[in-house]
Protein backbone atom coordinates (compact mmCIF):
# COMPACT_ATOMS: atom_id res chain seq x y z
CA UNK A 1 -86.25 71.76 121.88
CA UNK A 2 -84.65 72.18 125.29
CA UNK A 3 -87.17 72.54 128.14
CA UNK A 4 -85.77 74.90 130.75
CA UNK A 5 -88.71 74.23 133.07
CA UNK A 6 -87.94 70.52 133.34
CA UNK A 7 -84.14 70.76 133.37
CA UNK A 8 -81.78 70.62 136.31
CA UNK A 9 -79.33 73.44 137.03
CA UNK A 10 -76.36 71.53 135.53
CA UNK A 11 -78.43 70.74 132.42
CA UNK A 12 -79.36 74.41 131.97
CA UNK A 13 -75.74 75.51 132.43
CA UNK A 14 -74.62 72.89 129.92
CA UNK A 15 -77.23 74.01 127.40
CA UNK A 16 -76.18 77.65 127.72
CA UNK A 17 -72.56 76.63 127.20
CA UNK A 18 -73.50 74.73 124.04
CA UNK A 19 -75.49 77.68 122.73
CA UNK A 20 -72.59 80.06 123.30
CA UNK A 21 -70.26 77.59 121.56
CA UNK A 22 -72.61 77.49 118.55
CA UNK A 23 -72.59 81.31 118.39
CA UNK A 24 -68.80 81.39 118.61
CA UNK A 25 -68.51 78.87 115.78
CA UNK A 26 -71.06 80.80 113.73
CA UNK A 27 -68.76 83.81 113.95
CA UNK A 28 -65.78 81.67 112.96
CA UNK A 29 -63.82 82.30 116.15
CA UNK A 30 -61.62 79.89 118.06
CA UNK A 31 -61.91 79.61 121.83
CA UNK A 32 -58.65 81.55 122.10
CA UNK A 33 -60.03 84.39 119.95
CA UNK A 34 -63.20 84.61 122.01
CA UNK A 35 -61.21 84.55 125.23
CA UNK A 36 -59.04 87.43 124.00
CA UNK A 37 -62.07 89.46 122.95
CA UNK A 38 -63.73 88.82 126.32
CA UNK A 39 -60.55 89.50 128.32
CA UNK A 40 -60.57 86.00 129.82
CA UNK A 41 -58.43 82.89 129.69
CA UNK A 42 -59.14 80.28 127.05
CA UNK A 43 -59.67 77.81 129.93
CA UNK A 44 -62.64 79.88 131.11
CA UNK A 45 -64.23 79.72 127.66
CA UNK A 46 -63.49 75.99 127.46
CA UNK A 47 -65.08 75.35 130.89
CA UNK A 48 -68.20 77.30 129.97
CA UNK A 49 -68.66 75.56 126.64
CA UNK A 50 -67.84 72.05 127.82
CA UNK A 51 -69.20 71.95 131.38
CA UNK A 52 -71.41 75.04 131.62
CA UNK A 53 -69.19 76.35 134.43
CA UNK A 54 -68.09 79.98 134.74
CA UNK A 55 -68.64 82.86 137.09
CA UNK A 56 -71.56 85.12 136.31
CA UNK A 57 -69.11 87.90 135.48
CA UNK A 58 -67.21 85.67 133.01
CA UNK A 59 -70.49 84.54 131.46
CA UNK A 60 -71.52 88.16 130.88
CA UNK A 61 -68.11 89.03 129.43
CA UNK A 62 -68.40 86.16 126.94
CA UNK A 63 -71.97 87.09 126.05
CA UNK A 64 -70.89 90.70 125.46
CA UNK A 65 -67.87 89.64 123.37
CA UNK A 66 -70.20 87.59 121.16
CA UNK A 67 -72.43 90.64 120.68
CA UNK A 68 -75.32 89.12 122.60
CA UNK A 69 -75.54 91.62 125.48
CA UNK A 70 -78.86 92.94 124.16
CA UNK A 71 -80.36 89.48 124.67
CA UNK A 72 -79.76 89.82 128.40
CA UNK A 73 -82.19 92.76 128.52
CA UNK A 74 -85.24 90.51 128.48
CA UNK A 75 -83.88 88.12 131.06
CA UNK A 76 -85.99 88.16 134.23
CA UNK A 77 -88.08 91.12 133.05
CA UNK A 78 -91.40 91.15 134.89
CA UNK A 79 -94.18 90.05 132.58
CA UNK A 80 -97.46 91.76 133.39
CA UNK A 81 -100.75 90.08 132.52
CA UNK A 82 -103.21 92.55 134.06
CA UNK A 83 -103.47 96.00 135.61
CA UNK A 84 -103.56 94.43 139.08
CA UNK A 85 -100.38 92.48 138.32
CA UNK A 86 -98.78 95.66 136.97
CA UNK A 87 -99.59 97.53 140.20
CA UNK A 88 -98.23 94.64 142.26
CA UNK A 89 -95.01 94.59 140.20
CA UNK A 90 -94.60 98.34 140.66
CA UNK A 91 -95.00 97.97 144.43
CA UNK A 92 -92.46 95.14 144.45
CA UNK A 93 -89.87 97.47 142.93
CA UNK A 94 -90.25 99.85 145.86
CA UNK A 95 -90.43 97.40 148.74
CA UNK A 96 -87.79 95.58 150.66
CA UNK A 97 -88.10 91.94 151.46
CA UNK A 98 -89.54 91.27 154.90
CA UNK A 99 -87.01 90.94 157.69
CA UNK A 100 -86.28 87.51 158.93
CA UNK A 101 -86.79 86.96 162.61
CA UNK A 102 -83.96 85.36 164.52
CA UNK A 103 -84.80 82.13 166.20
C-alpha cells in the first residue's frame, strides 16, 4: 500500500497519475477518449498518467470526467476529535491568517 505520509511530492503525484490511469482503463477508455471527455489535450492526460504532472485545473477536469468528483469532497476536510477541536476549527473558518511584518 502506498504511504502518502512517507512519500515525496513527485512520488505522490506519480501515484495519483497511476490511480487515474487505472480508473480510465477500468472504464475502457483510451487516453484520447478521456481527454475529449475532459476537454483537454491527450498530451495532458499522458503527462498526468506517466509523470504525475498537470495543472490543478486539468487534474480536476480529468477527475470529473472519470466520475470521481465526489471523491474530492473529503479531501482536506477538517477532522474533529473533540468539542474543543471543533470550536477551534470553527474559529479558524472565520479568522484571517496573521499579517506578516515587513523586515
